[in-house]
PDB file of N, CA and C in Angstrom:
ATOM      1  N   UNK A   1     -37.050  18.487   7.899  1.00  0.00           N
ATOM      2  CA  UNK A   1     -36.759  18.962   6.574  1.00  0.00           C
ATOM      3  C   UNK A   1     -38.024  18.816   5.731  1.00  0.00           C
ATOM      4  N   UNK A   2     -38.068  19.599   4.668  1.00  0.00           N
ATOM      5  CA  UNK A   2     -39.243  19.585   3.797  1.00  0.00           C
ATOM      6  C   UNK A   2     -38.857  19.091   2.405  1.00  0.00           C
ATOM      7  N   UNK A   3     -39.747  18.365   1.773  1.00  0.00           N
ATOM      8  CA  UNK A   3     -39.534  17.859   0.421  1.00  0.00           C
ATOM      9  C   UNK A   3     -39.524  19.034  -0.549  1.00  0.00           C
ATOM     10  N   UNK A   4     -38.544  19.055  -1.437  1.00  0.00           N
ATOM     11  CA  UNK A   4     -38.435  20.145  -2.410  1.00  0.00           C
ATOM     12  C   UNK A   4     -39.453  19.997  -3.537  1.00  0.00           C
ATOM     13  N   UNK A   5     -40.039  18.804  -3.683  1.00  0.00           N
ATOM     14  CA  UNK A   5     -41.010  18.579  -4.751  1.00  0.00           C
ATOM     15  C   UNK A   5     -42.435  18.872  -4.292  1.00  0.00           C
ATOM     16  N   UNK A   6     -42.852  18.205  -3.174  1.00  0.00           N
ATOM     17  CA  UNK A   6     -44.248  18.361  -2.745  1.00  0.00           C
ATOM     18  C   UNK A   6     -44.406  19.312  -1.566  1.00  0.00           C
ATOM     19  N   UNK A   7     -43.304  19.649  -0.864  1.00  0.00           N
ATOM     20  CA  UNK A   7     -43.351  20.604   0.225  1.00  0.00           C
ATOM     21  C   UNK A   7     -43.755  20.033   1.572  1.00  0.00           C
ATOM     22  N   UNK A   8     -44.056  18.733   1.650  1.00  0.00           N
ATOM     23  CA  UNK A   8     -44.459  18.144   2.934  1.00  0.00           C
ATOM     24  C   UNK A   8     -43.239  17.892   3.801  1.00  0.00           C
ATOM     25  N   UNK A   9     -43.470  17.889   5.116  1.00  0.00           N
ATOM     26  CA  UNK A   9     -42.386  17.651   6.060  1.00  0.00           C
ATOM     27  C   UNK A   9     -42.035  16.164   6.065  1.00  0.00           C
ATOM     28  N   UNK A  10     -40.727  15.894   5.995  1.00  0.00           N
ATOM     29  CA  UNK A  10     -40.239  14.506   6.002  1.00  0.00           C
ATOM     30  C   UNK A  10     -39.103  14.372   7.001  1.00  0.00           C
ATOM     31  N   UNK A  11     -38.743  13.151   7.301  1.00  0.00           N
ATOM     32  CA  UNK A  11     -37.654  12.855   8.234  1.00  0.00           C
ATOM     33  C   UNK A  11     -36.341  13.416   7.686  1.00  0.00           C
ATOM     34  N   UNK A  12     -35.490  13.934   8.582  1.00  0.00           N
ATOM     35  CA  UNK A  12     -34.221  14.532   8.167  1.00  0.00           C
ATOM     36  C   UNK A  12     -33.283  13.516   7.509  1.00  0.00           C
ATOM     37  N   UNK A  13     -33.399  12.239   7.850  1.00  0.00           N
ATOM     38  CA  UNK A  13     -32.538  11.225   7.266  1.00  0.00           C
ATOM     39  C   UNK A  13     -33.133  10.536   6.061  1.00  0.00           C
ATOM     40  N   UNK A  14     -34.279  10.987   5.591  1.00  0.00           N
ATOM     41  CA  UNK A  14     -34.965  10.325   4.473  1.00  0.00           C
ATOM     42  C   UNK A  14     -34.168  10.469   3.187  1.00  0.00           C
ATOM     43  N   UNK A  15     -34.124   9.385   2.432  1.00  0.00           N
ATOM     44  CA  UNK A  15     -33.437   9.381   1.143  1.00  0.00           C
ATOM     45  C   UNK A  15     -34.436   9.684   0.031  1.00  0.00           C
ATOM     46  N   UNK A  16     -35.678   9.240   0.239  1.00  0.00           N
ATOM     47  CA  UNK A  16     -36.761   9.469  -0.721  1.00  0.00           C
ATOM     48  C   UNK A  16     -37.958  10.005   0.056  1.00  0.00           C
ATOM     49  N   UNK A  17     -38.688  10.930  -0.537  1.00  0.00           N
ATOM     50  CA  UNK A  17     -39.895  11.461   0.097  1.00  0.00           C
ATOM     51  C   UNK A  17     -40.956  10.359   0.134  1.00  0.00           C
ATOM     52  N   UNK A  18     -41.514  10.048   1.314  1.00  0.00           N
ATOM     53  CA  UNK A  18     -42.532   8.997   1.389  1.00  0.00           C
ATOM     54  C   UNK A  18     -43.860   9.413   0.748  1.00  0.00           C
ATOM     55  N   UNK A  19     -44.040  10.706   0.518  1.00  0.00           N
ATOM     56  CA  UNK A  19     -45.295  11.198  -0.064  1.00  0.00           C
ATOM     57  C   UNK A  19     -45.293  11.166  -1.599  1.00  0.00           C
ATOM     58  N   UNK A  20     -44.209  11.676  -2.198  1.00  0.00           N
ATOM     59  CA  UNK A  20     -44.191  11.770  -3.660  1.00  0.00           C
ATOM     60  C   UNK A  20     -43.139  10.878  -4.316  1.00  0.00           C
ATOM     61  N   UNK A  21     -42.194  10.340  -3.526  1.00  0.00           N
ATOM     62  CA  UNK A  21     -41.197   9.415  -4.061  1.00  0.00           C
ATOM     63  C   UNK A  21     -39.994  10.049  -4.729  1.00  0.00           C
ATOM     64  N   UNK A  22     -39.851  11.359  -4.616  1.00  0.00           N
ATOM     65  CA  UNK A  22     -38.709  12.043  -5.239  1.00  0.00           C
ATOM     66  C   UNK A  22     -37.495  11.930  -4.307  1.00  0.00           C
ATOM     67  N   UNK A  23     -36.320  11.759  -4.905  1.00  0.00           N
ATOM     68  CA  UNK A  23     -35.076  11.647  -4.135  1.00  0.00           C
ATOM     69  C   UNK A  23     -34.778  12.962  -3.419  1.00  0.00           C
ATOM     70  N   UNK A  24     -34.262  12.857  -2.210  1.00  0.00           N
ATOM     71  CA  UNK A  24     -33.884  14.035  -1.434  1.00  0.00           C
ATOM     72  C   UNK A  24     -32.395  14.304  -1.599  1.00  0.00           C
ATOM     73  N   UNK A  25     -31.917  15.346  -0.931  1.00  0.00           N
ATOM     74  CA  UNK A  25     -30.485  15.663  -0.962  1.00  0.00           C
ATOM     75  C   UNK A  25     -29.664  14.544  -0.333  1.00  0.00           C
ATOM     76  N   UNK A  26     -30.244  13.819   0.619  1.00  0.00           N
ATOM     77  CA  UNK A  26     -29.531  12.716   1.263  1.00  0.00           C
ATOM     78  C   UNK A  26     -29.187  11.621   0.251  1.00  0.00           C
ATOM     79  N   UNK A  27     -30.071  11.383  -0.710  1.00  0.00           N
ATOM     80  CA  UNK A  27     -29.796  10.362  -1.715  1.00  0.00           C
ATOM     81  C   UNK A  27     -28.675  10.823  -2.640  1.00  0.00           C
ATOM     82  N   UNK A  28     -28.654  12.101  -2.962  1.00  0.00           N
ATOM     83  CA  UNK A  28     -27.601  12.630  -3.825  1.00  0.00           C
ATOM     84  C   UNK A  28     -26.252  12.509  -3.129  1.00  0.00           C
ATOM     85  N   UNK A  29     -26.202  12.800  -1.822  1.00  0.00           N
ATOM     86  CA  UNK A  29     -24.963  12.682  -1.059  1.00  0.00           C
ATOM     87  C   UNK A  29     -24.528  11.230  -0.942  1.00  0.00           C
ATOM     88  N   UNK A  30     -25.477  10.316  -0.744  1.00  0.00           N
ATOM     89  CA  UNK A  30     -25.152   8.902  -0.572  1.00  0.00           C
ATOM     90  C   UNK A  30     -24.662   8.272  -1.865  1.00  0.00           C
ATOM     91  N   UNK A  31     -25.129   8.752  -3.002  1.00  0.00           N
ATOM     92  CA  UNK A  31     -24.749   8.144  -4.272  1.00  0.00           C
ATOM     93  C   UNK A  31     -23.566   8.843  -4.938  1.00  0.00           C
ATOM     94  N   UNK A  32     -22.980   9.850  -4.290  1.00  0.00           N
ATOM     95  CA  UNK A  32     -21.838  10.544  -4.872  1.00  0.00           C
ATOM     96  C   UNK A  32     -20.665   9.577  -4.961  1.00  0.00           C
ATOM     97  N   UNK A  33     -19.969   9.565  -6.086  1.00  0.00           N
ATOM     98  CA  UNK A  33     -18.859   8.615  -6.238  1.00  0.00           C
ATOM     99  C   UNK A  33     -17.707   8.963  -5.314  1.00  0.00           C
ATOM    100  N   UNK A  34     -17.069   7.923  -4.795  1.00  0.00           N
ATOM    101  CA  UNK A  34     -15.922   8.118  -3.924  1.00  0.00           C
ATOM    102  C   UNK A  34     -14.711   8.491  -4.777  1.00  0.00           C
ATOM    103  N   UNK A  35     -13.772   9.156  -4.155  1.00  0.00           N
ATOM    104  CA  UNK A  35     -12.561   9.536  -4.871  1.00  0.00           C
ATOM    105  C   UNK A  35     -11.791   8.277  -5.258  1.00  0.00           C
ATOM    106  N   UNK A  36     -11.235   8.254  -6.451  1.00  0.00           N
ATOM    107  CA  UNK A  36     -10.486   7.058  -6.862  1.00  0.00           C
ATOM    108  C   UNK A  36      -9.232   6.886  -6.012  1.00  0.00           C
ATOM    109  N   UNK A  37      -8.871   5.650  -5.773  1.00  0.00           N
ATOM    110  CA  UNK A  37      -7.706   5.358  -4.945  1.00  0.00           C
ATOM    111  C   UNK A  37      -6.433   5.756  -5.687  1.00  0.00           C
ATOM    112  N   UNK A  38      -5.469   6.245  -4.926  1.00  0.00           N
ATOM    113  CA  UNK A  38      -4.180   6.599  -5.507  1.00  0.00           C
ATOM    114  C   UNK A  38      -3.362   5.330  -5.742  1.00  0.00           C
ATOM    115  N   UNK A  39      -2.456   5.394  -6.685  1.00  0.00           N
ATOM    116  CA  UNK A  39      -1.563   4.268  -6.956  1.00  0.00           C
ATOM    117  C   UNK A  39      -0.382   4.322  -5.994  1.00  0.00           C
ATOM    118  N   UNK A  40      -0.013   3.170  -5.473  1.00  0.00           N
ATOM    119  CA  UNK A  40       1.082   3.061  -4.511  1.00  0.00           C
ATOM    120  C   UNK A  40       2.372   2.758  -5.275  1.00  0.00           C
ATOM    121  N   UNK A  41       3.011   3.804  -5.787  1.00  0.00           N
ATOM    122  CA  UNK A  41       4.209   3.606  -6.597  1.00  0.00           C
ATOM    123  C   UNK A  41       5.406   3.172  -5.761  1.00  0.00           C
ATOM    124  N   UNK A  42       5.424   3.504  -4.487  1.00  0.00           N
ATOM    125  CA  UNK A  42       6.541   3.088  -3.624  1.00  0.00           C
ATOM    126  C   UNK A  42       6.641   1.567  -3.567  1.00  0.00           C
ATOM    127  N   UNK A  43       5.517   0.902  -3.465  1.00  0.00           N
ATOM    128  CA  UNK A  43       5.513  -0.556  -3.392  1.00  0.00           C
ATOM    129  C   UNK A  43       6.040  -1.160  -4.687  1.00  0.00           C
ATOM    130  N   UNK A  44       5.605  -0.635  -5.817  1.00  0.00           N
ATOM    131  CA  UNK A  44       6.035  -1.161  -7.107  1.00  0.00           C
ATOM    132  C   UNK A  44       7.525  -0.902  -7.348  1.00  0.00           C
ATOM    133  N   UNK A  45       7.992   0.302  -7.043  1.00  0.00           N
ATOM    134  CA  UNK A  45       9.403   0.634  -7.227  1.00  0.00           C
ATOM    135  C   UNK A  45      10.265  -0.220  -6.284  1.00  0.00           C
ATOM    136  N   UNK A  46       9.820  -0.424  -5.052  1.00  0.00           N
ATOM    137  CA  UNK A  46      10.559  -1.277  -4.123  1.00  0.00           C
ATOM    138  C   UNK A  46      10.682  -2.698  -4.638  1.00  0.00           C
ATOM    139  N   UNK A  47       9.606  -3.223  -5.223  1.00  0.00           N
ATOM    140  CA  UNK A  47       9.623  -4.581  -5.782  1.00  0.00           C
ATOM    141  C   UNK A  47      10.596  -4.673  -6.957  1.00  0.00           C
ATOM    142  N   UNK A  48      10.544  -3.701  -7.851  1.00  0.00           N
ATOM    143  CA  UNK A  48      11.418  -3.713  -9.024  1.00  0.00           C
ATOM    144  C   UNK A  48      12.884  -3.598  -8.608  1.00  0.00           C
ATOM    145  N   UNK A  49      13.176  -2.709  -7.664  1.00  0.00           N
ATOM    146  CA  UNK A  49      14.555  -2.566  -7.202  1.00  0.00           C
ATOM    147  C   UNK A  49      15.042  -3.819  -6.481  1.00  0.00           C
ATOM    148  N   UNK A  50      14.147  -4.529  -5.805  1.00  0.00           N
ATOM    149  CA  UNK A  50      14.525  -5.787  -5.168  1.00  0.00           C
ATOM    150  C   UNK A  50      14.914  -6.823  -6.222  1.00  0.00           C
ATOM    151  N   UNK A  51      14.188  -6.860  -7.318  1.00  0.00           N
ATOM    152  CA  UNK A  51      14.520  -7.789  -8.406  1.00  0.00           C
ATOM    153  C   UNK A  51      15.851  -7.430  -9.058  1.00  0.00           C
ATOM    154  N   UNK A  52      16.167  -6.138  -9.111  1.00  0.00           N
ATOM    155  CA  UNK A  52      17.411  -5.686  -9.734  1.00  0.00           C
ATOM    156  C   UNK A  52      18.610  -5.784  -8.798  1.00  0.00           C
ATOM    157  N   UNK A  53      18.381  -6.055  -7.515  1.00  0.00           N
ATOM    158  CA  UNK A  53      19.484  -6.246  -6.580  1.00  0.00           C
ATOM    159  C   UNK A  53      19.854  -5.037  -5.747  1.00  0.00           C
ATOM    160  N   UNK A  54      19.079  -3.964  -5.805  1.00  0.00           N
ATOM    161  CA  UNK A  54      19.332  -2.798  -4.955  1.00  0.00           C
ATOM    162  C   UNK A  54      18.620  -3.029  -3.620  1.00  0.00           C
ATOM    163  N   UNK A  55      19.210  -3.883  -2.797  1.00  0.00           N
ATOM    164  CA  UNK A  55      18.500  -4.469  -1.656  1.00  0.00           C
ATOM    165  C   UNK A  55      18.111  -3.476  -0.571  1.00  0.00           C
ATOM    166  N   UNK A  56      19.025  -2.663  -0.116  1.00  0.00           N
ATOM    167  CA  UNK A  56      18.710  -1.764   0.993  1.00  0.00           C
ATOM    168  C   UNK A  56      17.671  -0.726   0.581  1.00  0.00           C
ATOM    169  N   UNK A  57      17.857  -0.136  -0.599  1.00  0.00           N
ATOM    170  CA  UNK A  57      16.888   0.851  -1.087  1.00  0.00           C
ATOM    171  C   UNK A  57      15.533   0.181  -1.321  1.00  0.00           C
ATOM    172  N   UNK A  58      15.557  -1.036  -1.889  1.00  0.00           N
ATOM    173  CA  UNK A  58      14.316  -1.763  -2.147  1.00  0.00           C
ATOM    174  C   UNK A  58      13.592  -2.093  -0.852  1.00  0.00           C
ATOM    175  N   UNK A  59      14.349  -2.479   0.162  1.00  0.00           N
ATOM    176  CA  UNK A  59      13.740  -2.810   1.452  1.00  0.00           C
ATOM    177  C   UNK A  59      13.054  -1.588   2.056  1.00  0.00           C
ATOM    178  N   UNK A  60      13.736  -0.455   2.012  1.00  0.00           N
ATOM    179  CA  UNK A  60      13.168   0.773   2.575  1.00  0.00           C
ATOM    180  C   UNK A  60      11.902   1.187   1.807  1.00  0.00           C
ATOM    181  N   UNK A  61      11.981   1.195   0.472  1.00  0.00           N
ATOM    182  CA  UNK A  61      10.821   1.604  -0.321  1.00  0.00           C
ATOM    183  C   UNK A  61       9.655   0.627  -0.173  1.00  0.00           C
ATOM    184  N   UNK A  62       9.957  -0.660  -0.049  1.00  0.00           N
ATOM    185  CA  UNK A  62       8.886  -1.648   0.124  1.00  0.00           C
ATOM    186  C   UNK A  62       8.202  -1.488   1.480  1.00  0.00           C
ATOM    187  N   UNK A  63       8.975  -1.160   2.504  1.00  0.00           N
ATOM    188  CA  UNK A  63       8.380  -0.926   3.829  1.00  0.00           C
ATOM    189  C   UNK A  63       7.497   0.324   3.788  1.00  0.00           C
ATOM    190  N   UNK A  64       7.978   1.370   3.127  1.00  0.00           N
ATOM    191  CA  UNK A  64       7.162   2.589   2.985  1.00  0.00           C
ATOM    192  C   UNK A  64       5.898   2.275   2.188  1.00  0.00           C
ATOM    193  N   UNK A  65       6.040   1.473   1.129  1.00  0.00           N
ATOM    194  CA  UNK A  65       4.883   1.076   0.324  1.00  0.00           C
ATOM    195  C   UNK A  65       3.873   0.273   1.115  1.00  0.00           C
ATOM    196  N   UNK A  66       4.366  -0.623   1.981  1.00  0.00           N
ATOM    197  CA  UNK A  66       3.455  -1.407   2.821  1.00  0.00           C
ATOM    198  C   UNK A  66       2.743  -0.518   3.832  1.00  0.00           C
ATOM    199  N   UNK A  67       3.453   0.465   4.353  1.00  0.00           N
ATOM    200  CA  UNK A  67       2.832   1.422   5.275  1.00  0.00           C
ATOM    201  C   UNK A  67       1.768   2.247   4.553  1.00  0.00           C
ATOM    202  N   UNK A  68       2.040   2.622   3.307  1.00  0.00           N
ATOM    203  CA  UNK A  68       1.074   3.404   2.526  1.00  0.00           C
ATOM    204  C   UNK A  68      -0.201   2.607   2.240  1.00  0.00           C
ATOM    205  N   UNK A  69      -0.082   1.297   2.116  1.00  0.00           N
ATOM    206  CA  UNK A  69      -1.258   0.457   1.829  1.00  0.00           C
ATOM    207  C   UNK A  69      -2.343   0.608   2.884  1.00  0.00           C
ATOM    208  N   UNK A  70      -1.932   0.928   4.092  1.00  0.00           N
ATOM    209  CA  UNK A  70      -2.889   1.028   5.199  1.00  0.00           C
ATOM    210  C   UNK A  70      -3.622   2.369   5.208  1.00  0.00           C
ATOM    211  N   UNK A  71      -3.156   3.322   4.419  1.00  0.00           N
ATOM    212  CA  UNK A  71      -3.801   4.633   4.369  1.00  0.00           C
ATOM    213  C   UNK A  71      -5.038   4.563   3.484  1.00  0.00           C
ATOM    214  N   UNK A  72      -6.104   5.276   3.851  1.00  0.00           N
ATOM    215  CA  UNK A  72      -7.349   5.179   3.079  1.00  0.00           C
ATOM    216  C   UNK A  72      -7.235   5.671   1.643  1.00  0.00           C
ATOM    217  N   UNK A  73      -6.354   6.634   1.374  1.00  0.00           N
ATOM    218  CA  UNK A  73      -6.269   7.135  -0.002  1.00  0.00           C
ATOM    219  C   UNK A  73      -5.653   6.131  -0.969  1.00  0.00           C
ATOM    220  N   UNK A  74      -4.923   5.131  -0.453  1.00  0.00           N
ATOM    221  CA  UNK A  74      -4.347   4.093  -1.310  1.00  0.00           C
ATOM    222  C   UNK A  74      -5.230   2.852  -1.385  1.00  0.00           C
ATOM    223  N   UNK A  75      -6.122   2.678  -0.437  1.00  0.00           N
ATOM    224  CA  UNK A  75      -7.110   1.599  -0.463  1.00  0.00           C
ATOM    225  C   UNK A  75      -6.481   0.213  -0.663  1.00  0.00           C
ATOM    226  N   UNK A  76      -5.328  -0.017  -0.029  1.00  0.00           N
ATOM    227  CA  UNK A  76      -4.678  -1.327  -0.102  1.00  0.00           C
ATOM    228  C   UNK A  76      -3.914  -1.594  -1.376  1.00  0.00           C
ATOM    229  N   UNK A  77      -3.776  -0.604  -2.255  1.00  0.00           N
ATOM    230  CA  UNK A  77      -3.097  -0.805  -3.535  1.00  0.00           C
ATOM    231  C   UNK A  77      -1.613  -1.087  -3.316  1.00  0.00           C
ATOM    232  N   UNK A  78      -1.079  -2.099  -3.982  1.00  0.00           N
ATOM    233  CA  UNK A  78       0.344  -2.410  -3.952  1.00  0.00           C
ATOM    234  C   UNK A  78       0.809  -3.257  -2.793  1.00  0.00           C
ATOM    235  N   UNK A  79      -0.113  -3.797  -2.016  1.00  0.00           N
ATOM    236  CA  UNK A  79       0.287  -4.573  -0.841  1.00  0.00           C
ATOM    237  C   UNK A  79       1.109  -5.797  -1.236  1.00  0.00           C
ATOM    238  N   UNK A  80       0.701  -6.487  -2.278  1.00  0.00           N
ATOM    239  CA  UNK A  80       1.436  -7.676  -2.720  1.00  0.00           C
ATOM    240  C   UNK A  80       2.839  -7.341  -3.193  1.00  0.00           C
ATOM    241  N   UNK A  81       2.971  -6.248  -3.962  1.00  0.00           N
ATOM    242  CA  UNK A  81       4.290  -5.831  -4.418  1.00  0.00           C
ATOM    243  C   UNK A  81       5.188  -5.452  -3.245  1.00  0.00           C
ATOM    244  N   UNK A  82       4.616  -4.766  -2.253  1.00  0.00           N
ATOM    245  CA  UNK A  82       5.407  -4.345  -1.096  1.00  0.00           C
ATOM    246  C   UNK A  82       5.903  -5.553  -0.308  1.00  0.00           C
ATOM    247  N   UNK A  83       5.038  -6.512  -0.074  1.00  0.00           N
ATOM    248  CA  UNK A  83       5.440  -7.713   0.674  1.00  0.00           C
ATOM    249  C   UNK A  83       6.479  -8.501  -0.108  1.00  0.00           C
ATOM    250  N   UNK A  84       6.274  -8.655  -1.421  1.00  0.00           N
ATOM    251  CA  UNK A  84       7.250  -9.369  -2.251  1.00  0.00           C
ATOM    252  C   UNK A  84       8.592  -8.646  -2.257  1.00  0.00           C
ATOM    253  N   UNK A  85       8.578  -7.327  -2.323  1.00  0.00           N
ATOM    254  CA  UNK A  85       9.820  -6.557  -2.287  1.00  0.00           C
ATOM    255  C   UNK A  85      10.562  -6.725  -0.983  1.00  0.00           C
ATOM    256  N   UNK A  86       9.831  -6.757   0.129  1.00  0.00           N
ATOM    257  CA  UNK A  86      10.456  -6.964   1.438  1.00  0.00           C
ATOM    258  C   UNK A  86      11.080  -8.354   1.512  1.00  0.00           C
ATOM    259  N   UNK A  87      10.356  -9.362   1.070  1.00  0.00           N
ATOM    260  CA  UNK A  87      10.855 -10.743   1.143  1.00  0.00           C
ATOM    261  C   UNK A  87      12.078 -10.921   0.241  1.00  0.00           C
ATOM    262  N   UNK A  88      11.990 -10.466  -1.008  1.00  0.00           N
ATOM    263  CA  UNK A  88      13.105 -10.652  -1.944  1.00  0.00           C
ATOM    264  C   UNK A  88      14.349  -9.914  -1.474  1.00  0.00           C
ATOM    265  N   UNK A  89      14.204  -8.660  -1.075  1.00  0.00           N
ATOM    266  CA  UNK A  89      15.380  -7.902  -0.641  1.00  0.00           C
ATOM    267  C   UNK A  89      15.961  -8.469   0.649  1.00  0.00           C
ATOM    268  N   UNK A  90      15.126  -8.975   1.543  1.00  0.00           N
ATOM    269  CA  UNK A  90      15.636  -9.584   2.778  1.00  0.00           C
ATOM    270  C   UNK A  90      16.413 -10.858   2.478  1.00  0.00           C
ATOM    271  N   UNK A  91      15.897 -11.683   1.579  1.00  0.00           N
ATOM    272  CA  UNK A  91      16.599 -12.924   1.224  1.00  0.00           C
ATOM    273  C   UNK A  91      17.940 -12.602   0.568  1.00  0.00           C
ATOM    274  N   UNK A  92      17.960 -11.657  -0.360  1.00  0.00           N
ATOM    275  CA  UNK A  92      19.219 -11.268  -0.997  1.00  0.00           C
ATOM    276  C   UNK A  92      20.219 -10.748   0.029  1.00  0.00           C
ATOM    277  N   UNK A  93      19.753  -9.953   0.971  1.00  0.00           N
ATOM    278  CA  UNK A  93      20.661  -9.394   1.974  1.00  0.00           C
ATOM    279  C   UNK A  93      21.248 -10.493   2.854  1.00  0.00           C
ATOM    280  N   UNK A  94      20.440 -11.471   3.237  1.00  0.00           N
ATOM    281  CA  UNK A  94      20.942 -12.580   4.050  1.00  0.00           C
ATOM    282  C   UNK A  94      21.971 -13.391   3.258  1.00  0.00           C
ATOM    283  N   UNK A  95      21.696 -13.637   1.983  1.00  0.00           N
ATOM    284  CA  UNK A  95      22.642 -14.377   1.141  1.00  0.00           C
ATOM    285  C   UNK A  95      23.963 -13.624   1.027  1.00  0.00           C
ATOM    286  N   UNK A  96      23.917 -12.317   0.804  1.00  0.00           N
ATOM    287  CA  UNK A  96      25.141 -11.535   0.703  1.00  0.00           C
ATOM    288  C   UNK A  96      25.916 -11.516   2.018  1.00  0.00           C
ATOM    289  N   UNK A  97      25.236 -11.416   3.131  1.00  0.00           N
ATOM    290  CA  UNK A  97      25.918 -11.433   4.435  1.00  0.00           C
ATOM    291  C   UNK A  97      26.614 -12.766   4.647  1.00  0.00           C
ATOM    292  N   UNK A  98      25.931 -13.863   4.346  1.00  0.00           N
ATOM    293  CA  UNK A  98      26.542 -15.182   4.491  1.00  0.00           C
ATOM    294  C   UNK A  98      27.726 -15.322   3.538  1.00  0.00           C
ATOM    295  N   UNK A  99      27.574 -14.853   2.312  1.00  0.00           N
ATOM    296  CA  UNK A  99      28.639 -14.943   1.321  1.00  0.00           C
ATOM    297  C   UNK A  99      29.868 -14.157   1.759  1.00  0.00           C
ATOM    298  N   UNK A 100      29.681 -12.921   2.193  1.00  0.00           N
ATOM    299  CA  UNK A 100      30.817 -12.112   2.626  1.00  0.00           C
ATOM    300  C   UNK A 100      31.447 -12.646   3.904  1.00  0.00           C
ATOM    301  N   UNK A 101      30.650 -13.173   4.807  1.00  0.00           N
ATOM    302  CA  UNK A 101      31.207 -13.766   6.027  1.00  0.00           C
ATOM    303  C   UNK A 101      32.045 -14.990   5.680  1.00  0.00           C
ATOM    304  N   UNK A 102      31.581 -15.799   4.749  1.00  0.00           N
ATOM    305  CA  UNK A 102      32.328 -16.986   4.327  1.00  0.00           C
ATOM    306  C   UNK A 102      33.637 -16.586   3.657  1.00  0.00           C
ATOM    307  N   UNK A 103      33.596 -15.585   2.802  1.00  0.00           N
ATOM    308  CA  UNK A 103      34.812 -15.111   2.141  1.00  0.00           C
ATOM    309  C   UNK A 103      35.789 -14.544   3.169  1.00  0.00           C
ATOM    310  N   UNK A 104      35.270 -13.812   4.143  1.00  0.00           N
ATOM    311  CA  UNK A 104      36.124 -13.244   5.187  1.00  0.00           C
ATOM    312  C   UNK A 104      36.799 -14.310   6.026  1.00  0.00           C
ATOM    313  N   UNK A 105      36.060 -15.332   6.399  1.00  0.00           N
ATOM    314  CA  UNK A 105      36.632 -16.425   7.198  1.00  0.00           C
ATOM    315  C   UNK A 105      37.674 -17.184   6.382  1.00  0.00           C
ATOM    316  N   UNK A 106      37.365 -17.443   5.119  1.00  0.00           N
ATOM    317  CA  UNK A 106      38.312 -18.155   4.259  1.00  0.00           C
ATOM    318  C   UNK A 106      39.585 -17.342   4.048  1.00  0.00           C
ATOM    319  N   UNK A 107      39.455 -16.044   3.905  1.00  0.00           N
ATOM    320  CA  UNK A 107      40.623 -15.181   3.720  1.00  0.00           C
ATOM    321  C   UNK A 107      41.475 -15.158   4.973  1.00  0.00           C
ATOM    322  N   UNK A 108      40.839 -15.054   6.127  1.00  0.00           N
ATOM    323  CA  UNK A 108      41.583 -15.047   7.389  1.00  0.00           C
ATOM    324  C   UNK A 108      42.291 -16.394   7.602  1.00  0.00           C
ATOM    325  N   UNK A 109      41.637 -17.469   7.241  1.00  0.00           N
ATOM    326  CA  UNK A 109      42.246 -18.792   7.384  1.00  0.00           C
ATOM    327  C   UNK A 109      43.429 -18.945   6.440  1.00  0.00           C
ATOM    328  N   UNK A 110      43.330 -18.409   5.239  1.00  0.00           N
ATOM    329  CA  UNK A 110      44.421 -18.495   4.274  1.00  0.00           C
ATOM    330  C   UNK A 110      45.601 -17.666   4.724  1.00  0.00           C
ATOM    331  N   UNK A 111      45.321 -16.484   5.261  1.00  0.00           N
ATOM    332  CA  UNK A 111      46.396 -15.628   5.748  1.00  0.00           C
ATOM    333  C   UNK A 111      47.074 -16.267   6.972  1.00  0.00           C
ATOM    334  N   UNK A 112      46.263 -16.851   7.843  1.00  0.00           N
ATOM    335  CA  UNK A 112      46.804 -17.484   9.037  1.00  0.00           C
ATOM    336  C   UNK A 112      47.662 -18.706   8.734  1.00  0.00           C
ATOM    337  N   UNK A 113      47.281 -19.474   7.740  1.00  0.00           N
ATOM    338  CA  UNK A 113      48.054 -20.665   7.396  1.00  0.00           C
ATOM    339  C   UNK A 113      49.316 -20.304   6.625  1.00  0.00           C
ATOM    340  N   UNK A 114      49.334 -19.139   5.979  1.00  0.00           N
ATOM    341  CA  UNK A 114      50.517 -18.717   5.226  1.00  0.00           C
ATOM    342  C   UNK A 114      51.620 -18.219   6.148  1.00  0.00           C
ATOM    343  N   UNK A 115      51.289 -17.859   7.352  1.00  0.00           N
ATOM    344  CA  UNK A 115      52.298 -17.333   8.273  1.00  0.00           C
ATOM    345  C   UNK A 115      52.968 -18.427   8.963  1.00  0.00           C
TER     346      UNK A 115
END
């Protein structure tokens, strides 16, 4: 490649011309700003729904949000919210399962003793 300022031949990977010191096209490409990362709204919505008690929907959205964190366009955004949403909704679901199982056993025992 040739320098656009002085016209001398330079290395194709050169960022600056070694003869005149002017930046080449490679420097312009290297310094171009990267696209801004997208916001991971799935992770945030999953976390909020987990706090509000919508456990199954929150669990699904938090898992999708955690999966999105691994994509380059999200750049890891929302990972903490996604993990917190998964943990909170899982704990609530386990508590509800234990609660309903206990109520079911107690109801069956009450019905059985009444007969």
